[in-house]
């Protein structure tokens, strides 16, 4: 599985993500925007970042679905789908409270092989 496929799968689940860039004091804010605007770069809303500069990608496995102004949002636990995706991708990850952090974005430690 390639990074492009992995990012597309995370995005299709409608999950919020945050990105920690090496050398940055804090991770980016949470948001649903996650894409790869060009090969070798990832973006979560704070502008594109080289994959080699990413320390980790945090994923909130709880999908929040807005249902209207007077109805509380529904919360869907996507942990099982996310776990399956991480297993299939052979991605290095850890659970940090309710958040899942994915590592290995630099090319030397890239867990993903060719497209499968």
C-alpha atoms as a PDB file:
ATOM      1  CA  UNK A   1       0.000   0.000   0.000  1.00  0.00           C
ATOM      2  CA  UNK A   2       1.391   3.416  -0.920  1.00  0.00           C
ATOM      3  CA  UNK A   3       1.163   6.566   1.183  1.00  0.00           C
ATOM      4  CA  UNK A   4      -1.314   7.933  -1.366  1.00  0.00           C
ATOM      5  CA  UNK A   5      -3.612   4.937  -0.864  1.00  0.00           C
ATOM      6  CA  UNK A   6      -3.233   5.125   2.907  1.00  0.00           C
ATOM      7  CA  UNK A   7      -4.085   8.842   3.015  1.00  0.00           C
ATOM      8  CA  UNK A   8      -7.066   8.331   0.685  1.00  0.00           C
ATOM      9  CA  UNK A   9      -8.373   5.533   2.930  1.00  0.00           C
ATOM     10  CA  UNK A  10      -8.062   7.692   6.080  1.00  0.00           C
ATOM     11  CA  UNK A  11      -9.789  10.555   4.287  1.00  0.00           C
ATOM     12  CA  UNK A  12     -12.621   8.284   3.118  1.00  0.00           C
ATOM     13  CA  UNK A  13     -13.369   7.386   6.758  1.00  0.00           C
ATOM     14  CA  UNK A  14     -14.042  11.073   7.531  1.00  0.00           C
ATOM     15  CA  UNK A  15     -11.632  11.179  10.472  1.00  0.00           C
ATOM     16  CA  UNK A  16      -9.872  14.202  11.911  1.00  0.00           C
ATOM     17  CA  UNK A  17      -6.077  14.256  11.781  1.00  0.00           C
ATOM     18  CA  UNK A  18      -3.198  16.301  13.128  1.00  0.00           C
ATOM     19  CA  UNK A  19       0.402  16.326  11.928  1.00  0.00           C
ATOM     20  CA  UNK A  20       3.630  16.702  13.914  1.00  0.00           C
ATOM     21  CA  UNK A  21       6.465  18.127  11.840  1.00  0.00           C
ATOM     22  CA  UNK A  22      10.041  17.495  12.979  1.00  0.00           C
ATOM     23  CA  UNK A  23      11.386  20.549  14.768  1.00  0.00           C
ATOM     24  CA  UNK A  24       7.963  22.146  15.248  1.00  0.00           C
ATOM     25  CA  UNK A  25       7.002  23.024  18.797  1.00  0.00           C
ATOM     26  CA  UNK A  26       3.488  21.635  18.495  1.00  0.00           C
ATOM     27  CA  UNK A  27       1.357  19.593  16.093  1.00  0.00           C
ATOM     28  CA  UNK A  28      -0.986  21.196  13.580  1.00  0.00           C
ATOM     29  CA  UNK A  29      -4.595  21.768  14.572  1.00  0.00           C
ATOM     30  CA  UNK A  30      -7.181  19.029  14.106  1.00  0.00           C
ATOM     31  CA  UNK A  31      -9.160  18.906  10.885  1.00  0.00           C
ATOM     32  CA  UNK A  32     -10.685  16.643   8.268  1.00  0.00           C
ATOM     33  CA  UNK A  33      -8.494  17.892   5.424  1.00  0.00           C
ATOM     34  CA  UNK A  34      -5.901  15.240   4.594  1.00  0.00           C
ATOM     35  CA  UNK A  35      -4.375  14.923   1.158  1.00  0.00           C
ATOM     36  CA  UNK A  36      -1.209  14.458  -0.803  1.00  0.00           C
ATOM     37  CA  UNK A  37      -1.120  17.465  -3.153  1.00  0.00           C
ATOM     38  CA  UNK A  38       1.966  16.155  -4.931  1.00  0.00           C
ATOM     39  CA  UNK A  39       4.142  13.037  -4.504  1.00  0.00           C
ATOM     40  CA  UNK A  40       6.313  13.251  -1.412  1.00  0.00           C
ATOM     41  CA  UNK A  41       4.129  15.847   0.354  1.00  0.00           C
ATOM     42  CA  UNK A  42       1.190  15.621   2.767  1.00  0.00           C
ATOM     43  CA  UNK A  43      -1.213  18.349   3.862  1.00  0.00           C
ATOM     44  CA  UNK A  44      -3.618  18.666   6.783  1.00  0.00           C
ATOM     45  CA  UNK A  45      -4.682  22.284   6.301  1.00  0.00           C
ATOM     46  CA  UNK A  46      -1.527  24.112   7.387  1.00  0.00           C
ATOM     47  CA  UNK A  47       0.099  23.885   3.972  1.00  0.00           C
ATOM     48  CA  UNK A  48       2.011  21.032   2.337  1.00  0.00           C
ATOM     49  CA  UNK A  49       4.809  19.334   4.285  1.00  0.00           C
ATOM     50  CA  UNK A  50       7.474  16.993   2.936  1.00  0.00           C
ATOM     51  CA  UNK A  51       6.865  13.409   4.097  1.00  0.00           C
ATOM     52  CA  UNK A  52      10.513  13.250   5.191  1.00  0.00           C
ATOM     53  CA  UNK A  53       9.788  16.074   7.683  1.00  0.00           C
ATOM     54  CA  UNK A  54       6.785  14.371   9.320  1.00  0.00           C
ATOM     55  CA  UNK A  55       7.339  12.904  12.776  1.00  0.00           C
ATOM     56  CA  UNK A  56       3.833  11.415  13.086  1.00  0.00           C
ATOM     57  CA  UNK A  57       0.255  11.684  11.902  1.00  0.00           C
ATOM     58  CA  UNK A  58      -2.347  11.550  14.685  1.00  0.00           C
ATOM     59  CA  UNK A  59      -5.761  10.145  13.775  1.00  0.00           C
ATOM     60  CA  UNK A  60      -8.884  10.442  15.909  1.00  0.00           C
ATOM     61  CA  UNK A  61     -10.765   7.165  15.273  1.00  0.00           C
ATOM     62  CA  UNK A  62     -14.109   8.728  16.275  1.00  0.00           C
ATOM     63  CA  UNK A  63     -15.996  10.130  13.293  1.00  0.00           C
ATOM     64  CA  UNK A  64     -18.244  13.073  14.192  1.00  0.00           C
ATOM     65  CA  UNK A  65     -21.297  13.339  11.919  1.00  0.00           C
ATOM     66  CA  UNK A  66     -23.205  16.625  11.994  1.00  0.00           C
ATOM     67  CA  UNK A  67     -26.958  15.905  11.895  1.00  0.00           C
ATOM     68  CA  UNK A  68     -28.486  19.376  12.177  1.00  0.00           C
ATOM     69  CA  UNK A  69     -28.578  22.391  14.437  1.00  0.00           C
ATOM     70  CA  UNK A  70     -30.894  20.938  17.074  1.00  0.00           C
ATOM     71  CA  UNK A  71     -29.762  17.327  16.949  1.00  0.00           C
ATOM     72  CA  UNK A  72     -26.501  16.403  18.660  1.00  0.00           C
ATOM     73  CA  UNK A  73     -23.834  15.023  16.325  1.00  0.00           C
ATOM     74  CA  UNK A  74     -23.504  11.282  16.139  1.00  0.00           C
ATOM     75  CA  UNK A  75     -20.186   9.664  16.971  1.00  0.00           C
ATOM     76  CA  UNK A  76     -19.080   6.600  15.030  1.00  0.00           C
ATOM     77  CA  UNK A  77     -16.120   4.594  16.296  1.00  0.00           C
ATOM     78  CA  UNK A  78     -13.949   3.744  13.279  1.00  0.00           C
ATOM     79  CA  UNK A  79     -11.231   2.054  15.374  1.00  0.00           C
ATOM     80  CA  UNK A  80     -11.790  -1.354  13.768  1.00  0.00           C
ATOM     81  CA  UNK A  81     -11.531   0.010  10.211  1.00  0.00           C
ATOM     82  CA  UNK A  82      -8.480   2.090  11.138  1.00  0.00           C
ATOM     83  CA  UNK A  83      -6.818  -0.875  12.846  1.00  0.00           C
ATOM     84  CA  UNK A  84      -7.412  -3.034   9.767  1.00  0.00           C
ATOM     85  CA  UNK A  85      -6.017  -0.335   7.513  1.00  0.00           C
ATOM     86  CA  UNK A  86      -2.894   0.050   9.654  1.00  0.00           C
ATOM     87  CA  UNK A  87      -2.409  -3.722   9.751  1.00  0.00           C
ATOM     88  CA  UNK A  88      -2.788  -4.006   5.967  1.00  0.00           C
ATOM     89  CA  UNK A  89      -0.358  -1.124   5.462  1.00  0.00           C
ATOM     90  CA  UNK A  90       2.105  -2.579   8.003  1.00  0.00           C
ATOM     91  CA  UNK A  91       2.341   0.936   9.422  1.00  0.00           C
ATOM     92  CA  UNK A  92       4.182   1.626  12.663  1.00  0.00           C
ATOM     93  CA  UNK A  93       1.622   3.078  15.058  1.00  0.00           C
ATOM     94  CA  UNK A  94       0.751   3.452  18.721  1.00  0.00           C
ATOM     95  CA  UNK A  95      -2.332   4.304  20.734  1.00  0.00           C
ATOM     96  CA  UNK A  96      -1.957   7.504  22.763  1.00  0.00           C
ATOM     97  CA  UNK A  97      -5.136   7.775  24.854  1.00  0.00           C
ATOM     98  CA  UNK A  98      -8.003   7.927  22.355  1.00  0.00           C
ATOM     99  CA  UNK A  99      -5.707   8.918  19.472  1.00  0.00           C
ATOM    100  CA  UNK A 100      -3.726   6.701  17.106  1.00  0.00           C
ATOM    101  CA  UNK A 101      -0.342   8.000  15.964  1.00  0.00           C
ATOM    102  CA  UNK A 102       1.159   6.707  12.720  1.00  0.00           C
ATOM    103  CA  UNK A 103       4.938   6.856  12.251  1.00  0.00           C
ATOM    104  CA  UNK A 104       7.386   6.109   9.473  1.00  0.00           C
ATOM    105  CA  UNK A 105       6.823   8.965   7.085  1.00  0.00           C
ATOM    106  CA  UNK A 106      10.480   9.519   6.285  1.00  0.00           C
ATOM    107  CA  UNK A 107      11.560   7.484   3.285  1.00  0.00           C
ATOM    108  CA  UNK A 108      14.275   5.537   5.128  1.00  0.00           C
ATOM    109  CA  UNK A 109      11.683   4.100   7.549  1.00  0.00           C
ATOM    110  CA  UNK A 110       8.754   3.992   5.157  1.00  0.00           C
ATOM    111  CA  UNK A 111       6.612   0.980   6.107  1.00  0.00           C
ATOM    112  CA  UNK A 112       4.748   0.848   2.827  1.00  0.00           C
ATOM    113  CA  UNK A 113       5.976  -1.081  -0.146  1.00  0.00           C
ATOM    114  CA  UNK A 114       4.726  -0.888  -3.683  1.00  0.00           C
ATOM    115  CA  UNK A 115       1.059  -0.467  -4.498  1.00  0.00           C
ATOM    116  CA  UNK A 116      -0.964  -3.574  -3.630  1.00  0.00           C
END
